[in-house]
Amino acid sequence: SGPDLTVDVKKIGDRPSGKTEPTVPL
């Protein structure tokens, strides 16, 4: 009985990834 469930999916964090190659001058 009653209504269906709903779901809220909220992204609260998004830290990007990647790489500075070790051969780069810095």
PDB file of all heavy atoms in Angstrom:
ATOM      1  N   SER A   1       0.849  -1.194   0.000  1.00  0.00           N
ATOM      2  CA  SER A   1       0.000   0.000   0.000  1.00  0.00           C
ATOM      3  C   SER A   1       0.882   1.241   0.000  1.00  0.00           C
ATOM      4  O   SER A   1       2.089   1.155   0.239  1.00  0.00           O
ATOM      5  CB  SER A   1      -0.917   0.014   1.236  1.00  0.00           C
ATOM      6  OG  SER A   1      -0.142   0.103   2.428  1.00  0.00           O
ATOM      7  N   GLY A   2       0.262   2.386  -0.285  1.00  0.00           N
ATOM      8  CA  GLY A   2       0.975   3.652  -0.233  1.00  0.00           C
ATOM      9  C   GLY A   2       1.797   3.934  -1.474  1.00  0.00           C
ATOM     10  O   GLY A   2       1.849   3.127  -2.414  1.00  0.00           O
ATOM     11  N   PRO A   3       2.476   5.078  -1.469  1.00  0.00           N
ATOM     12  CA  PRO A   3       3.268   5.501  -2.622  1.00  0.00           C
ATOM     13  C   PRO A   3       4.592   4.766  -2.716  1.00  0.00           C
ATOM     14  O   PRO A   3       5.061   4.157  -1.748  1.00  0.00           O
ATOM     15  CB  PRO A   3       3.489   6.990  -2.362  1.00  0.00           C
ATOM     16  CG  PRO A   3       3.493   7.104  -0.867  1.00  0.00           C
ATOM     17  CD  PRO A   3       2.479   6.106  -0.393  1.00  0.00           C
ATOM     18  N   ASP A   4       5.201   4.837  -3.889  1.00  0.00           N
ATOM     19  CA  ASP A   4       6.536   4.272  -4.092  1.00  0.00           C
ATOM     20  C   ASP A   4       7.587   5.082  -3.336  1.00  0.00           C
ATOM     21  O   ASP A   4       7.407   6.283  -3.059  1.00  0.00           O
ATOM     22  CB  ASP A   4       6.901   4.285  -5.575  1.00  0.00           C
ATOM     23  CG  ASP A   4       6.239   3.158  -6.350  1.00  0.00           C
ATOM     24  OD1 ASP A   4       5.647   2.269  -5.707  1.00  0.00           O
ATOM     25  OD2 ASP A   4       6.319   3.189  -7.593  1.00  0.00           O
ATOM     26  N   LEU A   5       8.679   4.418  -3.042  1.00  0.00           N
ATOM     27  CA  LEU A   5       9.868   5.135  -2.579  1.00  0.00           C
ATOM     28  C   LEU A   5      10.457   5.934  -3.735  1.00  0.00           C
ATOM     29  O   LEU A   5      10.333   5.559  -4.900  1.00  0.00           O
ATOM     30  CB  LEU A   5      10.933   4.154  -2.099  1.00  0.00           C
ATOM     31  CG  LEU A   5      10.752   3.401  -0.792  1.00  0.00           C
ATOM     32  CD1 LEU A   5      11.964   2.505  -0.568  1.00  0.00           C
ATOM     33  CD2 LEU A   5      10.573   4.350   0.370  1.00  0.00           C
ATOM     34  N   THR A   6      11.171   7.020  -3.396  1.00  0.00           N
ATOM     35  CA  THR A   6      11.989   7.745  -4.354  1.00  0.00           C
ATOM     36  C   THR A   6      13.415   7.776  -3.807  1.00  0.00           C
ATOM     37  O   THR A   6      13.648   7.486  -2.625  1.00  0.00           O
ATOM     38  CB  THR A   6      11.486   9.186  -4.567  1.00  0.00           C
ATOM     39  OG1 THR A   6      11.538   9.895  -3.314  1.00  0.00           O
ATOM     40  CG2 THR A   6      10.061   9.190  -5.119  1.00  0.00           C
ATOM     41  N   VAL A   7      14.346   8.132  -4.653  1.00  0.00           N
ATOM     42  CA  VAL A   7      15.723   8.235  -4.186  1.00  0.00           C
ATOM     43  C   VAL A   7      16.355   9.504  -4.739  1.00  0.00           C
ATOM     44  O   VAL A   7      16.135   9.879  -5.890  1.00  0.00           O
ATOM     45  CB  VAL A   7      16.559   6.993  -4.596  1.00  0.00           C
ATOM     46  CG1 VAL A   7      16.711   6.892  -6.108  1.00  0.00           C
ATOM     47  CG2 VAL A   7      17.931   7.004  -3.922  1.00  0.00           C
ATOM     48  N   ASP A   8      17.106  10.174  -3.895  1.00  0.00           N
ATOM     49  CA  ASP A   8      17.845  11.376  -4.271  1.00  0.00           C
ATOM     50  C   ASP A   8      19.328  11.049  -4.194  1.00  0.00           C
ATOM     51  O   ASP A   8      19.830  10.683  -3.122  1.00  0.00           O
ATOM     52  CB  ASP A   8      17.498  12.530  -3.327  1.00  0.00           C
ATOM     53  CG  ASP A   8      18.304  13.787  -3.631  1.00  0.00           C
ATOM     54  OD1 ASP A   8      18.364  14.177  -4.814  1.00  0.00           O
ATOM     55  OD2 ASP A   8      18.891  14.372  -2.695  1.00  0.00           O
ATOM     56  N   VAL A   9      20.006  11.141  -5.319  1.00  0.00           N
ATOM     57  CA  VAL A   9      21.444  10.857  -5.379  1.00  0.00           C
ATOM     58  C   VAL A   9      22.163  12.186  -5.582  1.00  0.00           C
ATOM     59  O   VAL A   9      22.110  12.776  -6.657  1.00  0.00           O
ATOM     60  CB  VAL A   9      21.769   9.884  -6.530  1.00  0.00           C
ATOM     61  CG1 VAL A   9      23.265   9.616  -6.578  1.00  0.00           C
ATOM     62  CG2 VAL A   9      20.998   8.577  -6.359  1.00  0.00           C
ATOM     63  N   LYS A  10      22.826  12.645  -4.542  1.00  0.00           N
ATOM     64  CA  LYS A  10      23.485  13.952  -4.580  1.00  0.00           C
ATOM     65  C   LYS A  10      24.994  13.801  -4.457  1.00  0.00           C
ATOM     66  O   LYS A  10      25.493  13.232  -3.478  1.00  0.00           O
ATOM     67  CB  LYS A  10      22.968  14.844  -3.445  1.00  0.00           C
ATOM     68  CG  LYS A  10      23.560  16.251  -3.432  1.00  0.00           C
ATOM     69  CD  LYS A  10      23.006  17.067  -2.281  1.00  0.00           C
ATOM     70  CE  LYS A  10      23.599  18.473  -2.272  1.00  0.00           C
ATOM     71  NZ  LYS A  10      23.074  19.269  -1.123  1.00  0.00           N
ATOM     72  N   LYS A  11      25.705  14.289  -5.446  1.00  0.00           N
ATOM     73  CA  LYS A  11      27.175  14.257  -5.375  1.00  0.00           C
ATOM     74  C   LYS A  11      27.632  15.395  -4.472  1.00  0.00           C
ATOM     75  O   LYS A  11      27.341  16.557  -4.733  1.00  0.00           O
ATOM     76  CB  LYS A  11      27.796  14.385  -6.757  1.00  0.00           C
ATOM     77  CG  LYS A  11      29.315  14.242  -6.745  1.00  0.00           C
ATOM     78  CD  LYS A  11      29.916  14.319  -8.147  1.00  0.00           C
ATOM     79  CE  LYS A  11      29.840  12.994  -8.862  1.00  0.00           C
ATOM     80  NZ  LYS A  11      30.605  12.997 -10.137  1.00  0.00           N
ATOM     81  N   ILE A  12      28.338  15.062  -3.401  1.00  0.00           N
ATOM     82  CA  ILE A  12      28.799  16.075  -2.449  1.00  0.00           C
ATOM     83  C   ILE A  12      30.309  16.279  -2.509  1.00  0.00           C
ATOM     84  O   ILE A  12      30.856  17.091  -1.758  1.00  0.00           O
ATOM     85  CB  ILE A  12      28.371  15.707  -1.017  1.00  0.00           C
ATOM     86  CG1 ILE A  12      28.914  14.339  -0.608  1.00  0.00           C
ATOM     87  CG2 ILE A  12      26.853  15.754  -0.886  1.00  0.00           C
ATOM     88  CD1 ILE A  12      28.633  13.958   0.848  1.00  0.00           C
ATOM     89  N   GLY A  13      30.972  15.545  -3.379  1.00  0.00           N
ATOM     90  CA  GLY A  13      32.411  15.713  -3.530  1.00  0.00           C
ATOM     91  C   GLY A  13      32.890  15.161  -4.850  1.00  0.00           C
ATOM     92  O   GLY A  13      32.467  14.088  -5.266  1.00  0.00           O
ATOM     93  N   ASP A  14      33.742  15.931  -5.516  1.00  0.00           N
ATOM     94  CA  ASP A  14      34.273  15.503  -6.815  1.00  0.00           C
ATOM     95  C   ASP A  14      35.681  16.061  -6.949  1.00  0.00           C
ATOM     96  O   ASP A  14      35.874  17.198  -7.372  1.00  0.00           O
ATOM     97  CB  ASP A  14      33.374  16.007  -7.945  1.00  0.00           C
ATOM     98  CG  ASP A  14      33.806  15.468  -9.311  1.00  0.00           C
ATOM     99  OD1 ASP A  14      34.890  14.873  -9.398  1.00  0.00           O
ATOM    100  OD2 ASP A  14      33.052  15.662 -10.286  1.00  0.00           O
ATOM    101  N   ARG A  15      36.646  15.267  -6.531  1.00  0.00           N
ATOM    102  CA  ARG A  15      38.050  15.681  -6.624  1.00  0.00           C
ATOM    103  C   ARG A  15      38.672  15.006  -7.843  1.00  0.00           C
ATOM    104  O   ARG A  15      38.708  13.774  -7.912  1.00  0.00           O
ATOM    105  CB  ARG A  15      38.815  15.292  -5.351  1.00  0.00           C
ATOM    106  CG  ARG A  15      38.351  16.068  -4.124  1.00  0.00           C
ATOM    107  CD  ARG A  15      39.087  15.609  -2.879  1.00  0.00           C
ATOM    108  NE  ARG A  15      38.699  16.428  -1.732  1.00  0.00           N
ATOM    109  CZ  ARG A  15      39.559  17.073  -0.941  1.00  0.00           C
ATOM    110  NH1 ARG A  15      40.862  17.004  -1.174  1.00  0.00           N
ATOM    111  NH2 ARG A  15      39.134  17.786   0.079  1.00  0.00           N
ATOM    112  N   PRO A  16      39.145  15.775  -8.788  1.00  0.00           N
ATOM    113  CA  PRO A  16      39.684  15.186 -10.012  1.00  0.00           C
ATOM    114  C   PRO A  16      41.006  14.476  -9.779  1.00  0.00           C
ATOM    115  O   PRO A  16      41.724  14.769  -8.818  1.00  0.00           O
ATOM    116  CB  PRO A  16      39.866  16.402 -10.924  1.00  0.00           C
ATOM    117  CG  PRO A  16      40.108  17.537  -9.985  1.00  0.00           C
ATOM    118  CD  PRO A  16      39.244  17.241  -8.787  1.00  0.00           C
ATOM    119  N   SER A  17      41.309  13.548 -10.642  1.00  0.00           N
ATOM    120  CA  SER A  17      42.567  12.805 -10.553  1.00  0.00           C
ATOM    121  C   SER A  17      43.426  13.111 -11.770  1.00  0.00           C
ATOM    122  O   SER A  17      43.008  13.801 -12.696  1.00  0.00           O
ATOM    123  CB  SER A  17      42.290  11.301 -10.459  1.00  0.00           C
ATOM    124  OG  SER A  17      41.501  10.876 -11.546  1.00  0.00           O
ATOM    125  N   GLY A  18      44.620  12.571 -11.777  1.00  0.00           N
ATOM    126  CA  GLY A  18      45.524  12.796 -12.902  1.00  0.00           C
ATOM    127  C   GLY A  18      46.970  12.651 -12.467  1.00  0.00           C
ATOM    128  O   GLY A  18      47.259  12.238 -11.334  1.00  0.00           O
ATOM    129  N   LYS A  19      47.878  13.023 -13.345  1.00  0.00           N
ATOM    130  CA  LYS A  19      49.299  12.813 -13.073  1.00  0.00           C
ATOM    131  C   LYS A  19      50.147  13.849 -13.776  1.00  0.00           C
ATOM    132  O   LYS A  19      49.927  14.169 -14.944  1.00  0.00           O
ATOM    133  CB  LYS A  19      49.704  11.410 -13.558  1.00  0.00           C
ATOM    134  CG  LYS A  19      51.160  11.025 -13.352  1.00  0.00           C
ATOM    135  CD  LYS A  19      51.406   9.596 -13.841  1.00  0.00           C
ATOM    136  CE  LYS A  19      52.828   9.140 -13.585  1.00  0.00           C
ATOM    137  NZ  LYS A  19      53.047   7.743 -14.028  1.00  0.00           N
ATOM    138  N   THR A  20      51.088  14.431 -13.051  1.00  0.00           N
ATOM    139  CA  THR A  20      52.158  15.205 -13.661  1.00  0.00           C
ATOM    140  C   THR A  20      53.326  14.247 -13.843  1.00  0.00           C
ATOM    141  O   THR A  20      53.852  13.709 -12.861  1.00  0.00           O
ATOM    142  CB  THR A  20      52.579  16.392 -12.766  1.00  0.00           C
ATOM    143  OG1 THR A  20      51.468  17.272 -12.580  1.00  0.00           O
ATOM    144  CG2 THR A  20      53.723  17.174 -13.411  1.00  0.00           C
ATOM    145  N   GLU A  21      53.680  13.992 -15.059  1.00  0.00           N
ATOM    146  CA  GLU A  21      54.718  12.994 -15.335  1.00  0.00           C
ATOM    147  C   GLU A  21      56.018  13.341 -14.608  1.00  0.00           C
ATOM    148  O   GLU A  21      56.402  14.515 -14.525  1.00  0.00           O
ATOM    149  CB  GLU A  21      54.985  12.897 -16.838  1.00  0.00           C
ATOM    150  CG  GLU A  21      53.833  12.322 -17.641  1.00  0.00           C
ATOM    151  CD  GLU A  21      53.542  10.862 -17.303  1.00  0.00           C
ATOM    152  OE1 GLU A  21      54.468  10.169 -16.798  1.00  0.00           O
ATOM    153  OE2 GLU A  21      52.394  10.423 -17.526  1.00  0.00           O
ATOM    154  N   PRO A  22      56.707  12.335 -14.064  1.00  0.00           N
ATOM    155  CA  PRO A  22      57.939  12.595 -13.308  1.00  0.00           C
ATOM    156  C   PRO A  22      59.070  13.181 -14.135  1.00  0.00           C
ATOM    157  O   PRO A  22      60.043  13.675 -13.578  1.00  0.00           O
ATOM    158  CB  PRO A  22      58.309  11.213 -12.765  1.00  0.00           C
ATOM    159  CG  PRO A  22      57.564  10.236 -13.587  1.00  0.00           C
ATOM    160  CD  PRO A  22      56.317  10.916 -14.047  1.00  0.00           C
ATOM    161  N   THR A  23      58.942  13.135 -15.465  1.00  0.00           N
ATOM    162  CA  THR A  23      59.962  13.742 -16.326  1.00  0.00           C
ATOM    163  C   THR A  23      59.728  15.233 -16.541  1.00  0.00           C
ATOM    164  O   THR A  23      60.595  15.916 -17.104  1.00  0.00           O
ATOM    165  CB  THR A  23      59.962  13.040 -17.695  1.00  0.00           C
ATOM    166  OG1 THR A  23      58.630  13.049 -18.229  1.00  0.00           O
ATOM    167  CG2 THR A  23      60.450  11.609 -17.562  1.00  0.00           C
ATOM    168  N   VAL A  24      58.582  15.749 -16.108  1.00  0.00           N
ATOM    169  CA  VAL A  24      58.273  17.175 -16.266  1.00  0.00           C
ATOM    170  C   VAL A  24      59.256  17.991 -15.425  1.00  0.00           C
ATOM    171  O   VAL A  24      59.592  17.611 -14.295  1.00  0.00           O
ATOM    172  CB  VAL A  24      56.815  17.445 -15.838  1.00  0.00           C
ATOM    173  CG1 VAL A  24      56.548  18.935 -15.687  1.00  0.00           C
ATOM    174  CG2 VAL A  24      55.858  16.832 -16.856  1.00  0.00           C
ATOM    175  N   PRO A  25      59.745  19.117 -15.937  1.00  0.00           N
ATOM    176  CA  PRO A  25      60.750  19.899 -15.206  1.00  0.00           C
ATOM    177  C   PRO A  25      60.391  20.219 -13.759  1.00  0.00           C
ATOM    178  O   PRO A  25      61.251  20.143 -12.881  1.00  0.00           O
ATOM    179  CB  PRO A  25      60.866  21.177 -16.050  1.00  0.00           C
ATOM    180  CG  PRO A  25      60.579  20.717 -17.441  1.00  0.00           C
ATOM    181  CD  PRO A  25      59.515  19.674 -17.291  1.00  0.00           C
ATOM    182  N   LEU A  26      59.134  20.555 -13.475  1.00  0.00           N
ATOM    183  CA  LEU A  26      58.752  20.893 -12.106  1.00  0.00           C
ATOM    184  C   LEU A  26      59.002  19.726 -11.155  1.00  0.00           C
ATOM    185  O   LEU A  26      59.535  19.910 -10.051  1.00  0.00           O
ATOM    186  CB  LEU A  26      57.268  21.302 -12.056  1.00  0.00           C
ATOM    187  CG  LEU A  26      56.704  21.611 -10.667  1.00  0.00           C
ATOM    188  CD1 LEU A  26      57.470  22.745 -10.002  1.00  0.00           C
ATOM    189  CD2 LEU A  26      55.217  21.951 -10.761  1.00  0.00           C
TER     190      LEU A  26
END
